[in-house]
Amino acid sequence: MARAAAVTSPTPRPAPLADRSEAVLSRLQLLVTRKLDGLLQGDYAGLLPGPGSEAGESREYRPGDDVRRMDWPVTARTTTPHVRRTVADRELETWLALDLSASLDFGTGQWLKREVVVAAAAAITHLTVRGGNRIGAVIGTGGGASAPARRWRGTPPPAGPGVLTRLPVRSGRKEAQGLLRTVAGTTIQPGRGDLGALIEMLNRPPRRRGVAVVVSDFLSPAEQWARPLRKLRVRHDVLAIEVIDPRELELPDVGVLPVVDPETGELHEVQTADPRLRQRYADAAAAQRATIAAALRGAGAAHLRLRTDRDWLLDMVRFVAAQRHARTRGTTR
């Protein structure tokens, strides 16, 4: 019940973001530049100039080489002293996993949830490309199994595993703007998406250590995406950005409310004048969010929650400031 009501909209939606993507992205760029620019500069995962820590190829030992870098297995096999080279990681590689499934095409606040996803992507992209860092993205939308046709209002969505798109990692502002235009212009497909498969795209093929940012409402069952997220955290620093709408937390008292789940197409009429029903809904929604938070915490991901009825940029600034303060105190959170 909580999910069905949470992903429906009783009011007309604004024009699709793709139709006004250039204006929206220009405004986002200005907002991000003013408030976020410089907050994350220098936040590299041990990427200081120097010999580096990533293992490279071996070569024969020469007088003056650091004996702490002796490659003993190769030395034993060849009977000739060898040292292991290391690769200096001077660039930060960031990957975005952006969930644009049908449940994101909803919003009762100042923004649609999909607009908050694009806004978060714009902020992360801006912070990443500064200093020549590289960014790529994987985008997932709907196309999952449909509900029985008689329950649909309109044409049922096609069945399938969902639509997954990979945008190769690039550096530079021009490439970053192209990535954001592609994200903003992505058409949301009806049907269920597969968040676990989307995250798994960042695990395969294996990538060098960097930052992975997953932006979603995480309404898919936690068992679907928790394991891929834990695998991702083994090699990368992971940030999970959860996008929510106030109607996903509580129902207003507006009488009979027709609600449609855009992922399954199921239509229900809910009597919101019943205070017991509203309380049960709020309790179920709170339990659902607690389960999501516990799964993200168990995966070792940093967790940022953005709402459609709040200043998402201010929430991001506060999150970044809290993360920086935690690091200066010697903690990981």
C-alpha atoms as a PDB file:
ATOM      1  CA  MET A   1       0.000   0.000   0.000  1.00  0.00           C
ATOM      2  CA  ALA A   2       2.762   2.424   0.918  1.00  0.00           C
ATOM      3  CA  ARG A   3       4.579   1.897  -2.363  1.00  0.00           C
ATOM      4  CA  ALA A   4       1.521   2.170  -4.593  1.00  0.00           C
ATOM      5  CA  ALA A   5       0.510   5.502  -3.120  1.00  0.00           C
ATOM      6  CA  ALA A   6       4.050   6.713  -2.930  1.00  0.00           C
ATOM      7  CA  VAL A   7       4.704   6.528  -6.642  1.00  0.00           C
ATOM      8  CA  THR A   8       1.547   8.124  -7.941  1.00  0.00           C
ATOM      9  CA  SER A   9       0.520  11.686  -8.638  1.00  0.00           C
ATOM     10  CA  PRO A  10      -3.028  12.969  -8.328  1.00  0.00           C
ATOM     11  CA  THR A  11      -2.122  16.292  -9.961  1.00  0.00           C
ATOM     12  CA  PRO A  12      -0.967  17.117 -13.496  1.00  0.00           C
ATOM     13  CA  ARG A  13       2.789  16.954 -13.910  1.00  0.00           C
ATOM     14  CA  PRO A  14       4.910  19.814 -15.261  1.00  0.00           C
ATOM     15  CA  ALA A  15       6.262  19.649 -18.787  1.00  0.00           C
ATOM     16  CA  PRO A  16       8.857  16.897 -19.259  1.00  0.00           C
ATOM     17  CA  LEU A  17      12.353  17.924 -18.313  1.00  0.00           C
ATOM     18  CA  ALA A  18      13.650  16.900 -21.738  1.00  0.00           C
ATOM     19  CA  ASP A  19      11.529  19.659 -23.342  1.00  0.00           C
ATOM     20  CA  ARG A  20      13.302  22.336 -21.356  1.00  0.00           C
ATOM     21  CA  SER A  21      16.591  20.634 -20.612  1.00  0.00           C
ATOM     22  CA  GLU A  22      18.839  23.431 -21.874  1.00  0.00           C
ATOM     23  CA  ALA A  23      17.200  26.091 -19.692  1.00  0.00           C
ATOM     24  CA  VAL A  24      17.111  23.793 -16.674  1.00  0.00           C
ATOM     25  CA  LEU A  25      20.756  22.772 -17.081  1.00  0.00           C
ATOM     26  CA  SER A  26      21.856  26.385 -17.485  1.00  0.00           C
ATOM     27  CA  ARG A  27      20.074  27.313 -14.283  1.00  0.00           C
ATOM     28  CA  LEU A  28      21.498  24.309 -12.468  1.00  0.00           C
ATOM     29  CA  GLN A  29      25.002  25.207 -13.626  1.00  0.00           C
ATOM     30  CA  LEU A  30      24.612  28.709 -12.205  1.00  0.00           C
ATOM     31  CA  LEU A  31      23.252  27.443  -8.884  1.00  0.00           C
ATOM     32  CA  VAL A  32      25.966  24.835  -8.525  1.00  0.00           C
ATOM     33  CA  THR A  33      28.744  27.260  -9.427  1.00  0.00           C
ATOM     34  CA  ARG A  34      27.590  29.752  -6.810  1.00  0.00           C
ATOM     35  CA  LYS A  35      27.057  27.405  -3.877  1.00  0.00           C
ATOM     36  CA  LEU A  36      29.072  24.247  -4.424  1.00  0.00           C
ATOM     37  CA  ASP A  37      32.138  25.388  -6.338  1.00  0.00           C
ATOM     38  CA  GLY A  38      35.288  24.616  -4.383  1.00  0.00           C
ATOM     39  CA  LEU A  39      33.690  22.581  -1.611  1.00  0.00           C
ATOM     40  CA  LEU A  40      35.136  19.296  -2.817  1.00  0.00           C
ATOM     41  CA  GLN A  41      38.348  20.519  -4.420  1.00  0.00           C
ATOM     42  CA  GLY A  42      41.242  18.414  -3.191  1.00  0.00           C
ATOM     43  CA  ASP A  43      38.990  15.568  -2.049  1.00  0.00           C
ATOM     44  CA  TYR A  44      40.887  12.815  -3.815  1.00  0.00           C
ATOM     45  CA  ALA A  45      41.041   9.223  -2.648  1.00  0.00           C
ATOM     46  CA  GLY A  46      44.759   9.322  -1.860  1.00  0.00           C
ATOM     47  CA  LEU A  47      45.487  10.771  -5.314  1.00  0.00           C
ATOM     48  CA  LEU A  48      48.447  12.954  -4.423  1.00  0.00           C
ATOM     49  CA  PRO A  49      51.348  13.436  -6.869  1.00  0.00           C
ATOM     50  CA  GLY A  50      54.044  10.873  -6.245  1.00  0.00           C
ATOM     51  CA  PRO A  51      54.752   7.212  -6.908  1.00  0.00           C
ATOM     52  CA  GLY A  52      51.130   6.204  -6.306  1.00  0.00           C
ATOM     53  CA  SER A  53      49.691   3.054  -4.790  1.00  0.00           C
ATOM     54  CA  GLU A  54      48.197   1.165  -7.746  1.00  0.00           C
ATOM     55  CA  ALA A  55      50.346  -1.824  -8.731  1.00  0.00           C
ATOM     56  CA  GLY A  56      51.975  -1.601 -12.154  1.00  0.00           C
ATOM     57  CA  GLU A  57      54.528  -3.638 -14.074  1.00  0.00           C
ATOM     58  CA  SER A  58      57.790  -5.033 -12.744  1.00  0.00           C
ATOM     59  CA  ARG A  59      61.272  -4.152 -13.974  1.00  0.00           C
ATOM     60  CA  GLU A  60      64.814  -5.117 -13.078  1.00  0.00           C
ATOM     61  CA  TYR A  61      66.317  -3.583  -9.973  1.00  0.00           C
ATOM     62  CA  ARG A  62      68.684  -0.647 -10.473  1.00  0.00           C
ATOM     63  CA  PRO A  63      70.975   0.872  -7.829  1.00  0.00           C
ATOM     64  CA  GLY A  64      69.072   3.520  -5.914  1.00  0.00           C
ATOM     65  CA  ASP A  65      65.649   1.844  -6.213  1.00  0.00           C
ATOM     66  CA  ASP A  66      63.574   1.636  -3.043  1.00  0.00           C
ATOM     67  CA  VAL A  67      64.101  -1.865  -1.663  1.00  0.00           C
ATOM     68  CA  ARG A  68      60.617  -1.697  -0.109  1.00  0.00           C
ATOM     69  CA  ARG A  69      59.240  -2.070  -3.630  1.00  0.00           C
ATOM     70  CA  MET A  70      61.033  -5.320  -4.354  1.00  0.00           C
ATOM     71  CA  ASP A  71      58.835  -7.747  -6.275  1.00  0.00           C
ATOM     72  CA  TRP A  72      59.833 -10.952  -4.512  1.00  0.00           C
ATOM     73  CA  PRO A  73      57.680 -13.412  -6.532  1.00  0.00           C
ATOM     74  CA  VAL A  74      59.174 -12.192  -9.829  1.00  0.00           C
ATOM     75  CA  THR A  75      62.656 -12.096  -8.291  1.00  0.00           C
ATOM     76  CA  ALA A  76      62.273 -15.707  -7.184  1.00  0.00           C
ATOM     77  CA  ARG A  77      61.055 -16.863 -10.593  1.00  0.00           C
ATOM     78  CA  THR A  78      63.739 -15.067 -12.609  1.00  0.00           C
ATOM     79  CA  THR A  79      66.601 -15.155 -10.035  1.00  0.00           C
ATOM     80  CA  THR A  80      67.143 -11.498 -10.968  1.00  0.00           C
ATOM     81  CA  PRO A  81      66.136  -8.710  -8.573  1.00  0.00           C
ATOM     82  CA  HIS A  82      62.988  -6.898  -9.726  1.00  0.00           C
ATOM     83  CA  VAL A  83      61.024  -3.987  -8.320  1.00  0.00           C
ATOM     84  CA  ARG A  84      57.330  -3.352  -8.754  1.00  0.00           C
ATOM     85  CA  ARG A  85      56.361  -0.109 -10.401  1.00  0.00           C
ATOM     86  CA  THR A  86      53.325   1.772  -9.121  1.00  0.00           C
ATOM     87  CA  VAL A  87      50.928   3.961 -11.033  1.00  0.00           C
ATOM     88  CA  ALA A  88      50.335   7.496  -9.836  1.00  0.00           C
ATOM     89  CA  ASP A  89      46.580   8.127  -9.734  1.00  0.00           C
ATOM     90  CA  ARG A  90      46.404  11.872 -10.222  1.00  0.00           C
ATOM     91  CA  GLU A  91      42.876  11.886 -11.571  1.00  0.00           C
ATOM     92  CA  LEU A  92      39.657  11.067  -9.807  1.00  0.00           C
ATOM     93  CA  GLU A  93      37.285   8.869 -11.798  1.00  0.00           C
ATOM     94  CA  THR A  94      33.632   9.199 -10.865  1.00  0.00           C
ATOM     95  CA  TRP A  95      30.769   7.064 -12.122  1.00  0.00           C
ATOM     96  CA  LEU A  96      27.094   7.949 -11.770  1.00  0.00           C
ATOM     97  CA  ALA A  97      24.384   5.292 -11.607  1.00  0.00           C
ATOM     98  CA  LEU A  98      21.176   7.202 -12.336  1.00  0.00           C
ATOM     99  CA  ASP A  99      17.815   5.532 -11.763  1.00  0.00           C
ATOM    100  CA  LEU A 100      15.192   7.035 -14.075  1.00  0.00           C
ATOM    101  CA  SER A 101      12.580   4.321 -13.674  1.00  0.00           C
ATOM    102  CA  ALA A 102       8.885   5.180 -13.775  1.00  0.00           C
ATOM    103  CA  SER A 103       8.649   5.792 -10.027  1.00  0.00           C
ATOM    104  CA  LEU A 104      10.928   8.816 -10.482  1.00  0.00           C
ATOM    105  CA  ASP A 105       8.434  10.499 -12.833  1.00  0.00           C
ATOM    106  CA  PHE A 106       6.478  11.832  -9.880  1.00  0.00           C
ATOM    107  CA  GLY A 107       6.488  14.807  -7.561  1.00  0.00           C
ATOM    108  CA  THR A 108       4.184  16.916  -5.419  1.00  0.00           C
ATOM    109  CA  GLY A 109       6.752  19.451  -4.215  1.00  0.00           C
ATOM    110  CA  GLN A 110       8.717  22.093  -6.097  1.00  0.00           C
ATOM    111  CA  TRP A 111      10.388  19.450  -8.268  1.00  0.00           C
ATOM    112  CA  LEU A 112       9.651  16.154  -9.876  1.00  0.00           C
ATOM    113  CA  LYS A 113      11.815  13.372  -8.467  1.00  0.00           C
ATOM    114  CA  ARG A 114      13.477  12.922 -11.867  1.00  0.00           C
ATOM    115  CA  GLU A 115      14.399  16.625 -11.841  1.00  0.00           C
ATOM    116  CA  VAL A 116      16.117  16.154  -8.493  1.00  0.00           C
ATOM    117  CA  VAL A 117      18.027  13.207 -10.005  1.00  0.00           C
ATOM    118  CA  VAL A 118      19.231  15.416 -12.865  1.00  0.00           C
ATOM    119  CA  ALA A 119      20.056  18.216 -10.423  1.00  0.00           C
ATOM    120  CA  ALA A 120      22.143  15.883  -8.276  1.00  0.00           C
ATOM    121  CA  ALA A 121      23.917  14.616 -11.398  1.00  0.00           C
ATOM    122  CA  ALA A 122      24.658  18.213 -12.419  1.00  0.00           C
ATOM    123  CA  ALA A 123      26.157  19.008  -9.012  1.00  0.00           C
ATOM    124  CA  ILE A 124      28.330  15.883  -8.905  1.00  0.00           C
ATOM    125  CA  THR A 125      29.424  16.422 -12.508  1.00  0.00           C
ATOM    126  CA  HIS A 126      30.417  20.019 -11.870  1.00  0.00           C
ATOM    127  CA  LEU A 127      32.466  19.086  -8.834  1.00  0.00           C
ATOM    128  CA  THR A 128      34.147  16.206 -10.647  1.00  0.00           C
ATOM    129  CA  VAL A 129      35.257  17.826 -13.902  1.00  0.00           C
ATOM    130  CA  ARG A 130      37.074  20.586 -12.061  1.00  0.00           C
ATOM    131  CA  GLY A 131      40.786  19.913 -12.196  1.00  0.00           C
ATOM    132  CA  GLY A 132      40.577  17.573 -15.179  1.00  0.00           C
ATOM    133  CA  ASN A 133      38.857  14.709 -13.396  1.00  0.00           C
ATOM    134  CA  ARG A 134      36.787  12.231 -15.400  1.00  0.00           C
ATOM    135  CA  ILE A 135      33.139  11.266 -15.129  1.00  0.00           C
ATOM    136  CA  GLY A 136      30.907   8.658 -16.726  1.00  0.00           C
ATOM    137  CA  ALA A 137      27.385   7.414 -16.126  1.00  0.00           C
ATOM    138  CA  VAL A 138      25.026   4.495 -16.443  1.00  0.00           C
ATOM    139  CA  ILE A 139      21.317   5.240 -16.785  1.00  0.00           C
ATOM    140  CA  GLY A 140      18.476   2.841 -16.101  1.00  0.00           C
ATOM    141  CA  THR A 141      14.802   3.250 -16.863  1.00  0.00           C
ATOM    142  CA  GLY A 142      11.720   1.043 -16.954  1.00  0.00           C
ATOM    143  CA  GLY A 143      10.644  -1.840 -19.120  1.00  0.00           C
ATOM    144  CA  GLY A 144      10.079  -4.541 -16.504  1.00  0.00           C
ATOM    145  CA  ALA A 145       7.201  -6.994 -16.182  1.00  0.00           C
ATOM    146  CA  SER A 146       3.764  -5.458 -16.451  1.00  0.00           C
ATOM    147  CA  ALA A 147       0.651  -5.983 -14.384  1.00  0.00           C
ATOM    148  CA  PRO A 148      -2.452  -7.700 -15.829  1.00  0.00           C
ATOM    149  CA  ALA A 149      -3.814  -5.614 -18.701  1.00  0.00           C
ATOM    150  CA  ARG A 150      -7.219  -5.136 -17.091  1.00  0.00           C
ATOM    151  CA  ARG A 151      -5.605  -3.232 -14.217  1.00  0.00           C
ATOM    152  CA  TRP A 152      -3.996  -0.694 -16.541  1.00  0.00           C
ATOM    153  CA  ARG A 153      -5.192   2.754 -17.390  1.00  0.00           C
ATOM    154  CA  GLY A 154      -3.961   3.063 -20.963  1.00  0.00           C
ATOM    155  CA  THR A 155      -1.505   0.793 -22.775  1.00  0.00           C
ATOM    156  CA  PRO A 156       0.485  -1.607 -20.578  1.00  0.00           C
ATOM    157  CA  PRO A 157       4.268  -1.121 -20.695  1.00  0.00           C
ATOM    158  CA  PRO A 158       6.428  -3.644 -22.509  1.00  0.00           C
ATOM    159  CA  ALA A 159       7.959  -6.486 -20.550  1.00  0.00           C
ATOM    160  CA  GLY A 160      11.726  -6.804 -20.395  1.00  0.00           C
ATOM    161  CA  PRO A 161      14.792  -6.298 -18.216  1.00  0.00           C
ATOM    162  CA  GLY A 162      14.641  -2.511 -18.428  1.00  0.00           C
ATOM    163  CA  VAL A 163      16.635  -0.088 -20.548  1.00  0.00           C
ATOM    164  CA  LEU A 164      20.249   0.386 -19.421  1.00  0.00           C
ATOM    165  CA  THR A 165      22.529   2.955 -21.074  1.00  0.00           C
ATOM    166  CA  ARG A 166      26.268   3.435 -20.501  1.00  0.00           C
ATOM    167  CA  LEU A 167      27.944   6.804 -21.127  1.00  0.00           C
ATOM    168  CA  PRO A 168      31.745   6.348 -21.311  1.00  0.00           C
ATOM    169  CA  VAL A 169      33.978   8.164 -18.858  1.00  0.00           C
ATOM    170  CA  ARG A 170      35.272  11.506 -20.155  1.00  0.00           C
ATOM    171  CA  SER A 171      37.069  14.582 -18.897  1.00  0.00           C
ATOM    172  CA  GLY A 172      36.362  18.182 -19.791  1.00  0.00           C
ATOM    173  CA  ARG A 173      33.434  20.550 -19.481  1.00  0.00           C
ATOM    174  CA  LYS A 174      32.132  19.985 -22.999  1.00  0.00           C
ATOM    175  CA  GLU A 175      31.905  16.247 -22.466  1.00  0.00           C
ATOM    176  CA  ALA A 176      30.302  16.773 -19.050  1.00  0.00           C
ATOM    177  CA  GLN A 177      27.633  19.007 -20.564  1.00  0.00           C
ATOM    178  CA  GLY A 178      26.951  16.369 -23.199  1.00  0.00           C
ATOM    179  CA  LEU A 179      26.529  13.766 -20.479  1.00  0.00           C
ATOM    180  CA  LEU A 180      24.026  15.959 -18.633  1.00  0.00           C
ATOM    181  CA  ARG A 181      22.063  16.647 -21.814  1.00  0.00           C
ATOM    182  CA  THR A 182      21.794  12.920 -22.411  1.00  0.00           C
ATOM    183  CA  VAL A 183      20.600  12.365 -18.849  1.00  0.00           C
ATOM    184  CA  ALA A 184      18.055  15.190 -19.029  1.00  0.00           C
ATOM    185  CA  GLY A 185      16.784  13.986 -22.397  1.00  0.00           C
ATOM    186  CA  THR A 186      16.331  10.359 -21.338  1.00  0.00           C
ATOM    187  CA  THR A 187      12.750   9.217 -21.855  1.00  0.00           C
ATOM    188  CA  ILE A 188      11.343   7.412 -18.853  1.00  0.00           C
ATOM    189  CA  GLN A 189       9.951   4.048 -19.923  1.00  0.00           C
ATOM    190  CA  PRO A 190       6.902   2.529 -18.182  1.00  0.00           C
ATOM    191  CA  GLY A 191       7.337  -0.669 -16.220  1.00  0.00           C
ATOM    192  CA  ARG A 192       9.693  -1.711 -13.447  1.00  0.00           C
ATOM    193  CA  GLY A 193      13.402  -0.981 -13.659  1.00  0.00           C
ATOM    194  CA  ASP A 194      16.152  -3.128 -12.148  1.00  0.00           C
ATOM    195  CA  LEU A 195      18.275  -1.079  -9.749  1.00  0.00           C
ATOM    196  CA  GLY A 196      20.460  -4.081  -8.947  1.00  0.00           C
ATOM    197  CA  ALA A 197      21.339  -4.551 -12.641  1.00  0.00           C
ATOM    198  CA  LEU A 198      22.063  -0.827 -12.941  1.00  0.00           C
ATOM    199  CA  ILE A 199      24.532  -0.913 -10.039  1.00  0.00           C
ATOM    200  CA  GLU A 200      26.070  -4.121 -11.370  1.00  0.00           C
ATOM    201  CA  MET A 201      27.030  -2.206 -14.525  1.00  0.00           C
ATOM    202  CA  LEU A 202      29.558  -0.333 -12.368  1.00  0.00           C
ATOM    203  CA  ASN A 203      31.045  -3.613 -11.131  1.00  0.00           C
ATOM    204  CA  ARG A 204      31.555  -5.084 -14.602  1.00  0.00           C
ATOM    205  CA  PRO A 205      34.054  -4.596 -16.034  1.00  0.00           C
ATOM    206  CA  PRO A 206      36.179  -3.857 -12.932  1.00  0.00           C
ATOM    207  CA  ARG A 207      37.387  -0.282 -12.810  1.00  0.00           C
ATOM    208  CA  ARG A 208      40.231   1.416 -11.019  1.00  0.00           C
ATOM    209  CA  ARG A 209      39.489   2.805  -7.608  1.00  0.00           C
ATOM    210  CA  GLY A 210      37.339   5.930  -7.653  1.00  0.00           C
ATOM    211  CA  VAL A 211      33.953   7.293  -6.593  1.00  0.00           C
ATOM    212  CA  ALA A 212      30.579   5.746  -7.423  1.00  0.00           C
ATOM    213  CA  VAL A 213      27.399   7.772  -6.927  1.00  0.00           C
ATOM    214  CA  VAL A 214      24.032   5.972  -7.028  1.00  0.00           C
ATOM    215  CA  VAL A 215      20.991   8.270  -7.384  1.00  0.00           C
ATOM    216  CA  SER A 216      17.596   6.615  -6.918  1.00  0.00           C
ATOM    217  CA  ASP A 217      14.489   6.502  -4.754  1.00  0.00           C
ATOM    218  CA  PHE A 218      15.564   2.953  -3.743  1.00  0.00           C
ATOM    219  CA  LEU A 219      11.942   1.774  -3.782  1.00  0.00           C
ATOM    220  CA  SER A 220      12.985  -1.537  -5.313  1.00  0.00           C
ATOM    221  CA  PRO A 221      13.289  -4.328  -2.729  1.00  0.00           C
ATOM    222  CA  ALA A 222      16.551  -3.971  -0.815  1.00  0.00           C
ATOM    223  CA  GLU A 223      17.531  -7.567  -1.541  1.00  0.00           C
ATOM    224  CA  GLN A 224      17.624  -6.644  -5.241  1.00  0.00           C
ATOM    225  CA  TRP A 225      20.300  -3.935  -4.959  1.00  0.00           C
ATOM    226  CA  ALA A 226      22.048  -4.368  -1.576  1.00  0.00           C
ATOM    227  CA  ARG A 227      24.496  -7.063  -2.698  1.00  0.00           C
ATOM    228  CA  PRO A 228      25.681  -5.241  -5.876  1.00  0.00           C
ATOM    229  CA  LEU A 229      26.118  -2.121  -3.743  1.00  0.00           C
ATOM    230  CA  ARG A 230      28.287  -4.013  -1.240  1.00  0.00           C
ATOM    231  CA  LYS A 231      30.408  -5.343  -4.107  1.00  0.00           C
ATOM    232  CA  LEU A 232      30.799  -1.793  -5.421  1.00  0.00           C
ATOM    233  CA  ARG A 233      31.964  -0.564  -2.027  1.00  0.00           C
ATOM    234  CA  VAL A 234      34.841  -3.079  -1.940  1.00  0.00           C
ATOM    235  CA  ARG A 235      36.749  -1.078  -4.535  1.00  0.00           C
ATOM    236  CA  HIS A 236      35.139   2.360  -4.605  1.00  0.00           C
ATOM    237  CA  ASP A 237      33.948   5.102  -2.311  1.00  0.00           C
ATOM    238  CA  VAL A 238      30.162   4.981  -2.657  1.00  0.00           C
ATOM    239  CA  LEU A 239      27.647   7.781  -2.201  1.00  0.00           C
ATOM    240  CA  ALA A 240      23.943   6.864  -2.256  1.00  0.00           C
ATOM    241  CA  ILE A 241      21.603   9.781  -2.980  1.00  0.00           C
ATOM    242  CA  GLU A 242      18.032   8.913  -2.033  1.00  0.00           C
ATOM    243  CA  VAL A 243      15.317  11.034  -3.671  1.00  0.00           C
ATOM    244  CA  ILE A 244      11.959  11.172  -1.916  1.00  0.00           C
ATOM    245  CA  ASP A 245       8.675  13.058  -2.126  1.00  0.00           C
ATOM    246  CA  PRO A 246       6.615  14.086   0.941  1.00  0.00           C
ATOM    247  CA  ARG A 247       3.624  12.045  -0.290  1.00  0.00           C
ATOM    248  CA  GLU A 248       5.786   8.943   0.025  1.00  0.00           C
ATOM    249  CA  LEU A 249       5.980   9.570   3.770  1.00  0.00           C
ATOM    250  CA  GLU A 250       2.399  10.515   4.611  1.00  0.00           C
ATOM    251  CA  LEU A 251      -0.991  10.932   2.973  1.00  0.00           C
ATOM    252  CA  PRO A 252      -2.996  14.166   3.092  1.00  0.00           C
ATOM    253  CA  ASP A 253      -6.602  14.185   4.253  1.00  0.00           C
ATOM    254  CA  VAL A 254      -8.302  14.867   0.880  1.00  0.00           C
ATOM    255  CA  GLY A 255     -11.097  12.307   0.836  1.00  0.00           C
ATOM    256  CA  VAL A 256     -11.127   9.635  -1.861  1.00  0.00           C
ATOM    257  CA  LEU A 257      -7.797   9.762  -3.677  1.00  0.00           C
ATOM    258  CA  PRO A 258      -7.209   7.789  -6.914  1.00  0.00           C
ATOM    259  CA  VAL A 259      -3.615   6.600  -7.102  1.00  0.00           C
ATOM    260  CA  VAL A 260      -1.782   4.843  -9.929  1.00  0.00           C
ATOM    261  CA  ASP A 261       1.531   3.014  -9.628  1.00  0.00           C
ATOM    262  CA  PRO A 262       3.456   4.043 -12.783  1.00  0.00           C
ATOM    263  CA  GLU A 263       5.689   0.954 -12.562  1.00  0.00           C
ATOM    264  CA  THR A 264       2.875  -1.612 -12.451  1.00  0.00           C
ATOM    265  CA  GLY A 265      -0.072   0.450 -13.724  1.00  0.00           C
ATOM    266  CA  GLU A 266      -2.299  -0.641 -10.860  1.00  0.00           C
ATOM    267  CA  LEU A 267      -5.104   1.780 -10.043  1.00  0.00           C
ATOM    268  CA  HIS A 268      -6.529   2.107  -6.514  1.00  0.00           C
ATOM    269  CA  GLU A 269      -8.905   4.461  -4.766  1.00  0.00           C
ATOM    270  CA  VAL A 270      -7.824   5.332  -1.233  1.00  0.00           C
ATOM    271  CA  GLN A 271     -10.078   6.853   1.426  1.00  0.00           C
ATOM    272  CA  THR A 272      -7.617   9.309   2.977  1.00  0.00           C
ATOM    273  CA  ALA A 273     -10.251  10.665   5.401  1.00  0.00           C
ATOM    274  CA  ASP A 274      -9.652   7.559   7.532  1.00  0.00           C
ATOM    275  CA  PRO A 275      -7.056   8.560  10.180  1.00  0.00           C
ATOM    276  CA  ARG A 276      -6.193   4.925  10.888  1.00  0.00           C
ATOM    277  CA  LEU A 277      -5.340   4.336   7.229  1.00  0.00           C
ATOM    278  CA  ARG A 278      -3.148   7.455   7.146  1.00  0.00           C
ATOM    279  CA  GLN A 279      -1.359   6.295  10.296  1.00  0.00           C
ATOM    280  CA  ARG A 280      -0.789   2.807   8.888  1.00  0.00           C
ATOM    281  CA  TYR A 281       0.558   4.345   5.707  1.00  0.00           C
ATOM    282  CA  ALA A 282       2.935   6.620   7.636  1.00  0.00           C
ATOM    283  CA  ASP A 283       4.144   3.712   9.779  1.00  0.00           C
ATOM    284  CA  ALA A 284       4.723   1.523   6.705  1.00  0.00           C
ATOM    285  CA  ALA A 285       6.552   4.350   4.921  1.00  0.00           C
ATOM    286  CA  ALA A 286       8.773   4.970   7.962  1.00  0.00           C
ATOM    287  CA  ALA A 287       9.599   1.271   8.184  1.00  0.00           C
ATOM    288  CA  GLN A 288      10.395   1.204   4.471  1.00  0.00           C
ATOM    289  CA  ARG A 289      12.779   4.157   4.760  1.00  0.00           C
ATOM    290  CA  ALA A 290      14.429   2.607   7.818  1.00  0.00           C
ATOM    291  CA  THR A 291      15.026  -0.589   5.823  1.00  0.00           C
ATOM    292  CA  ILE A 292      16.581   1.418   2.987  1.00  0.00           C
ATOM    293  CA  ALA A 293      18.827   3.338   5.395  1.00  0.00           C
ATOM    294  CA  ALA A 294      19.925   0.112   7.100  1.00  0.00           C
ATOM    295  CA  ALA A 295      20.755  -1.524   3.749  1.00  0.00           C
ATOM    296  CA  LEU A 296      22.812   1.491   2.646  1.00  0.00           C
ATOM    297  CA  ARG A 297      24.595   1.583   5.989  1.00  0.00           C
ATOM    298  CA  GLY A 298      25.280  -2.150   5.776  1.00  0.00           C
ATOM    299  CA  ALA A 299      26.812  -1.646   2.324  1.00  0.00           C
ATOM    300  CA  GLY A 300      29.159   1.005   3.718  1.00  0.00           C
ATOM    301  CA  ALA A 301      27.758   3.785   1.511  1.00  0.00           C
ATOM    302  CA  ALA A 302      27.518   7.416   2.519  1.00  0.00           C
ATOM    303  CA  HIS A 303      23.829   8.363   2.508  1.00  0.00           C
ATOM    304  CA  LEU A 304      22.368  11.682   1.345  1.00  0.00           C
ATOM    305  CA  ARG A 305      18.602  12.216   1.259  1.00  0.00           C
ATOM    306  CA  LEU A 306      17.114  14.847  -1.069  1.00  0.00           C
ATOM    307  CA  ARG A 307      13.437  15.860  -1.036  1.00  0.00           C
ATOM    308  CA  THR A 308      11.306  17.384  -3.766  1.00  0.00           C
ATOM    309  CA  ASP A 309       9.847  19.939  -1.341  1.00  0.00           C
ATOM    310  CA  ARG A 310      13.155  21.227   0.004  1.00  0.00           C
ATOM    311  CA  ASP A 311      16.203  23.121  -1.235  1.00  0.00           C
ATOM    312  CA  TRP A 312      18.196  20.163  -2.570  1.00  0.00           C
ATOM    313  CA  LEU A 313      21.281  22.311  -3.126  1.00  0.00           C
ATOM    314  CA  LEU A 314      21.324  23.477   0.492  1.00  0.00           C
ATOM    315  CA  ASP A 315      20.995  19.864   1.628  1.00  0.00           C
ATOM    316  CA  MET A 316      23.981  18.945  -0.552  1.00  0.00           C
ATOM    317  CA  VAL A 317      26.061  21.797   0.865  1.00  0.00           C
ATOM    318  CA  ARG A 318      25.266  20.708   4.416  1.00  0.00           C
ATOM    319  CA  PHE A 319      26.112  17.100   3.572  1.00  0.00           C
ATOM    320  CA  VAL A 320      29.464  18.050   2.056  1.00  0.00           C
ATOM    321  CA  ALA A 321      30.283  20.249   5.051  1.00  0.00           C
ATOM    322  CA  ALA A 322      29.397  17.427   7.457  1.00  0.00           C
ATOM    323  CA  GLN A 323      31.567  14.963   5.506  1.00  0.00           C
ATOM    324  CA  ARG A 324      34.509  17.330   5.565  1.00  0.00           C
ATOM    325  CA  HIS A 325      34.084  17.979   9.275  1.00  0.00           C
ATOM    326  CA  ALA A 326      33.967  14.236   9.961  1.00  0.00           C
ATOM    327  CA  ARG A 327      37.193  13.679   8.028  1.00  0.00           C
ATOM    328  CA  THR A 328      39.017  16.431   9.894  1.00  0.00           C
ATOM    329  CA  ARG A 329      38.092  14.664  13.136  1.00  0.00           C
ATOM    330  CA  GLY A 330      39.620  11.447  11.837  1.00  0.00           C
ATOM    331  CA  THR A 331      36.371   9.559  11.258  1.00  0.00           C
ATOM    332  CA  THR A 332      35.059   7.938   8.100  1.00  0.00           C
ATOM    333  CA  ARG A 333      31.566   9.355   8.330  1.00  0.00           C
END
